[in-house]
């Protein structure tokens, strides 16, 4: 029977905390960028311009049809190449920056569908009332529709962000030392790989489960 020894986890907590801090930084920036880009894509999909709407739809379909791990790998190699092509010189791009861009653009496809559904849930009469007050389409969206839509779709956006938190562990593919990769590395050094991976899995479960419960409470509040 396998016996577990978690004695080395305590001394390794500072290093694990650094890995978690990197994970949370990546998560926060990816969520902010993904929601911003996703909102623009959602507005493009709802546009009366067929070309703009078609391009936005194609973007969503492409990114939702490929594995995230493949996208991370693509951007890790593609971002430095594109910058070299644009600037004409070698521009150093670290694994963090390339992963952040990959997460932002990939998650934008999912966030855009949530935002689009949120916008479509707002009554057309709201836009009509905004027009009656002399607002432009942009003003009506910014001041009337989007604030109400975001209130309705906040739980879904947060739920997708929890999934993104779990997906950040995929950055191991490009050697970025996030929480999971740090735990794996520390476990190999300490000769306790199973214990460190079990601990990492427990931490991911506690954070994800706790966040999901908070989102559920928020959803219940917003539906009252």
Protein backbone atom coordinates (compact mmCIF):
# COMPACT_ATOMS: atom_id res chain seq x y z
CA UNK A 1 0.00 0.00 0.00
CA UNK A 2 1.29 3.43 -0.95
CA UNK A 3 2.05 5.70 1.99
CA UNK A 4 1.87 9.46 1.60
CA UNK A 5 4.25 11.92 3.21
CA UNK A 6 3.19 15.57 3.07
CA UNK A 7 6.02 16.82 5.28
CA UNK A 8 7.72 18.84 2.54
CA UNK A 9 4.65 20.83 1.54
CA UNK A 10 4.91 23.22 4.50
CA UNK A 11 8.48 24.38 3.71
CA UNK A 12 7.49 24.72 0.04
CA UNK A 13 4.48 26.99 0.67
CA UNK A 14 6.33 30.27 -0.16
CA UNK A 15 7.29 28.90 -3.58
CA UNK A 16 3.79 27.53 -4.13
CA UNK A 17 2.35 30.93 -3.17
CA UNK A 18 4.47 32.55 -5.90
CA UNK A 19 3.06 30.08 -8.40
CA UNK A 20 -0.50 30.84 -7.25
CA UNK A 21 0.17 34.58 -7.52
CA UNK A 22 1.25 34.12 -11.14
CA UNK A 23 -1.87 32.03 -11.80
CA UNK A 24 -4.14 34.71 -10.31
CA UNK A 25 -2.39 37.48 -12.25
CA UNK A 26 -2.87 35.55 -15.47
CA UNK A 27 -6.49 34.88 -14.59
CA UNK A 28 -7.36 38.48 -13.71
CA UNK A 29 -5.75 40.00 -16.79
CA UNK A 30 -7.21 37.33 -19.08
CA UNK A 31 -10.71 37.89 -17.69
CA UNK A 32 -10.51 41.67 -18.11
CA UNK A 33 -9.10 41.44 -21.61
CA UNK A 34 -11.39 38.57 -22.61
CA UNK A 35 -14.56 40.33 -21.46
CA UNK A 36 -13.53 43.58 -23.20
CA UNK A 37 -12.74 41.84 -26.49
CA UNK A 38 -15.75 39.56 -26.12
CA UNK A 39 -18.06 42.56 -25.71
CA UNK A 40 -16.76 44.07 -28.94
CA UNK A 41 -17.21 40.75 -30.75
CA UNK A 42 -20.76 40.44 -29.37
CA UNK A 43 -21.63 43.92 -30.61
CA UNK A 44 -20.13 43.04 -33.99
CA UNK A 45 -22.23 39.87 -34.20
CA UNK A 46 -25.37 41.89 -33.46
CA UNK A 47 -24.45 44.49 -36.07
CA UNK A 48 -26.60 44.98 -39.16
CA UNK A 49 -23.38 44.96 -41.19
CA UNK A 50 -23.25 41.45 -42.66
CA UNK A 51 -19.49 41.50 -43.21
CA UNK A 52 -18.78 42.59 -39.63
CA UNK A 53 -21.28 40.10 -38.24
CA UNK A 54 -19.87 37.31 -40.40
CA UNK A 55 -16.29 37.99 -39.32
CA UNK A 56 -17.30 37.99 -35.65
CA UNK A 57 -19.22 34.74 -36.10
CA UNK A 58 -16.24 33.17 -37.85
CA UNK A 59 -13.93 34.26 -35.02
CA UNK A 60 -16.17 32.63 -32.42
CA UNK A 61 -16.56 29.41 -34.39
CA UNK A 62 -12.81 29.08 -35.00
CA UNK A 63 -11.73 29.57 -31.38
CA UNK A 64 -14.53 27.37 -30.04
CA UNK A 65 -13.50 24.57 -32.39
CA UNK A 66 -9.85 24.17 -31.36
CA UNK A 67 -8.35 22.95 -28.06
CA UNK A 68 -7.03 25.64 -25.72
CA UNK A 69 -3.74 23.77 -25.32
CA UNK A 70 -3.17 24.04 -29.06
CA UNK A 71 -3.94 27.78 -29.00
CA UNK A 72 -1.44 28.33 -26.16
CA UNK A 73 1.25 26.50 -28.13
CA UNK A 74 0.44 28.41 -31.32
CA UNK A 75 0.68 31.80 -29.66
CA UNK A 76 3.86 30.89 -27.81
CA UNK A 77 5.60 30.47 -31.16
CA UNK A 78 3.51 32.90 -33.24
CA UNK A 79 3.60 36.07 -31.10
CA UNK A 80 7.41 36.59 -31.33
CA UNK A 81 7.26 35.84 -35.07
CA UNK A 82 4.46 38.37 -35.66
CA UNK A 83 6.23 41.07 -33.64
CA UNK A 84 9.42 40.44 -35.60
CA UNK A 85 7.42 40.79 -38.83
CA UNK A 86 5.77 44.03 -37.64
CA UNK A 87 8.77 45.74 -36.01
CA UNK A 88 11.52 44.24 -38.15
CA UNK A 89 13.56 43.30 -35.11
CA UNK A 90 13.59 40.61 -32.46
CA UNK A 91 11.21 41.59 -29.66
CA UNK A 92 11.54 39.51 -26.50
CA UNK A 93 8.22 37.99 -25.54
CA UNK A 94 8.02 35.81 -22.47
CA UNK A 95 5.80 32.82 -21.86
CA UNK A 96 3.53 34.91 -19.60
CA UNK A 97 2.77 37.48 -22.31
CA UNK A 98 2.14 34.89 -25.01
CA UNK A 99 -0.12 32.85 -22.70
CA UNK A 100 -2.02 35.96 -21.67
CA UNK A 101 -2.71 36.87 -25.30
CA UNK A 102 -3.80 33.30 -26.02
CA UNK A 103 -6.18 33.23 -23.04
CA UNK A 104 -7.65 36.65 -23.82
CA UNK A 105 -8.39 35.85 -27.45
CA UNK A 106 -9.58 32.31 -26.75
CA UNK A 107 -11.87 33.23 -23.86
CA UNK A 108 -13.21 36.24 -25.77
CA UNK A 109 -15.04 33.77 -28.02
CA UNK A 110 -16.87 32.32 -25.01
CA UNK A 111 -17.43 35.62 -23.24
CA UNK A 112 -18.86 37.10 -26.45
CA UNK A 113 -21.63 34.51 -26.53
CA UNK A 114 -22.52 35.28 -22.92
CA UNK A 115 -22.53 39.03 -23.63
CA UNK A 116 -24.58 38.56 -26.81
CA UNK A 117 -27.19 36.56 -24.93
CA UNK A 118 -27.25 39.22 -22.21
CA UNK A 119 -27.79 42.03 -24.71
CA UNK A 120 -30.55 40.10 -26.48
CA UNK A 121 -32.31 39.55 -23.15
CA UNK A 122 -32.89 43.30 -22.82
CA UNK A 123 -36.21 44.47 -24.21
CA UNK A 124 -36.07 46.31 -27.53
CA UNK A 125 -38.24 48.92 -25.87
CA UNK A 126 -35.23 50.00 -23.81
CA UNK A 127 -33.34 50.96 -26.97
CA UNK A 128 -36.46 52.64 -28.35
CA UNK A 129 -36.77 54.72 -25.19
CA UNK A 130 -33.07 55.67 -25.43
CA UNK A 131 -33.58 56.81 -29.03
CA UNK A 132 -36.61 58.83 -27.92
CA UNK A 133 -34.33 60.65 -25.48
CA UNK A 134 -32.03 61.60 -28.34
CA UNK A 135 -29.30 59.04 -27.69
CA UNK A 136 -27.23 57.51 -30.46
CA UNK A 137 -26.88 53.73 -30.84
CA UNK A 138 -23.50 53.82 -29.08
CA UNK A 139 -24.88 55.87 -26.19
CA UNK A 140 -27.92 53.61 -25.86
CA UNK A 141 -25.67 50.54 -25.66
CA UNK A 142 -23.18 52.12 -23.25
CA UNK A 143 -25.63 53.83 -20.91
CA UNK A 144 -28.81 51.74 -21.10
CA UNK A 145 -28.39 48.25 -22.54
CA UNK A 146 -24.94 47.08 -21.41
CA UNK A 147 -25.32 48.04 -17.70
CA UNK A 148 -28.54 46.00 -17.49
CA UNK A 149 -27.11 43.16 -19.57
CA UNK A 150 -23.95 42.87 -17.47
CA UNK A 151 -26.04 42.69 -14.31
CA UNK A 152 -27.92 39.72 -15.73
CA UNK A 153 -24.90 37.91 -17.13
CA UNK A 154 -22.46 38.48 -14.25
CA UNK A 155 -23.00 34.95 -12.81
CA UNK A 156 -22.30 33.36 -16.21
CA UNK A 157 -19.21 35.50 -16.72
CA UNK A 158 -17.93 34.49 -13.29
CA UNK A 159 -18.69 30.83 -13.97
CA UNK A 160 -16.68 30.98 -17.19
CA UNK A 161 -13.89 32.67 -15.24
CA UNK A 162 -13.81 29.71 -12.83
CA UNK A 163 -13.34 27.42 -15.82
CA UNK A 164 -10.55 29.71 -17.00
CA UNK A 165 -8.91 29.45 -13.56
CA UNK A 166 -8.77 25.69 -14.00
CA UNK A 167 -7.54 26.02 -17.59
CA UNK A 168 -4.58 28.19 -16.57
CA UNK A 169 -2.87 24.95 -15.55
CA UNK A 170 -2.34 24.27 -19.27
CA UNK A 171 0.52 26.78 -19.34
CA UNK A 172 2.78 23.92 -18.27
CA UNK A 173 3.07 23.23 -22.02
CA UNK A 174 5.28 26.31 -22.47
CA UNK A 175 7.12 25.98 -19.15
CA UNK A 176 5.38 28.82 -17.30
CA UNK A 177 5.69 28.27 -13.55
CA UNK A 178 2.08 28.65 -12.47
CA UNK A 179 0.72 27.01 -9.32
CA UNK A 180 0.35 23.52 -10.77
CA UNK A 181 3.70 23.53 -12.56
CA UNK A 182 5.41 24.85 -9.42
CA UNK A 183 3.79 22.08 -7.35
CA UNK A 184 4.91 19.47 -9.85
CA UNK A 185 8.46 20.85 -9.90
CA UNK A 186 8.69 21.08 -6.10
CA UNK A 187 7.33 17.58 -5.77
CA UNK A 188 9.98 16.20 -8.11
CA UNK A 189 12.72 17.99 -6.17
CA UNK A 190 11.42 16.78 -2.80
CA UNK A 191 10.86 13.27 -4.07
CA UNK A 192 7.15 13.53 -3.27
CA UNK A 193 5.48 14.09 -6.67
CA UNK A 194 2.21 12.38 -5.75
CA UNK A 195 1.79 14.33 -2.52
CA UNK A 196 2.39 17.70 -4.18
CA UNK A 197 0.01 16.94 -7.04
CA UNK A 198 -2.65 15.79 -4.59
CA UNK A 199 -2.18 19.01 -2.63
CA UNK A 200 -2.42 21.08 -5.82
CA UNK A 201 -5.60 19.27 -6.84
CA UNK A 202 -7.09 19.91 -3.40
CA UNK A 203 -6.30 23.64 -3.66
CA UNK A 204 -7.88 23.87 -7.12
CA UNK A 205 -10.95 22.04 -5.85
CA UNK A 206 -11.38 24.27 -2.78
CA UNK A 207 -11.01 27.50 -4.77
CA UNK A 208 -13.24 26.36 -7.65
CA UNK A 209 -15.93 24.87 -5.42
CA UNK A 210 -15.94 27.89 -3.11
CA UNK A 211 -16.15 30.30 -6.03
CA UNK A 212 -18.96 28.27 -7.62
CA UNK A 213 -20.97 28.45 -4.40
CA UNK A 214 -20.51 32.22 -4.24
CA UNK A 215 -21.61 32.54 -7.87
CA UNK A 216 -24.71 30.49 -7.13
CA UNK A 217 -25.59 32.78 -4.23
CA UNK A 218 -25.06 35.83 -6.41
CA UNK A 219 -27.30 34.33 -9.08
CA UNK A 220 -30.05 33.77 -6.53
CA UNK A 221 -29.75 37.37 -5.36
CA UNK A 222 -29.92 38.77 -8.88
CA UNK A 223 -33.00 36.73 -9.75
CA UNK A 224 -34.92 38.04 -6.75
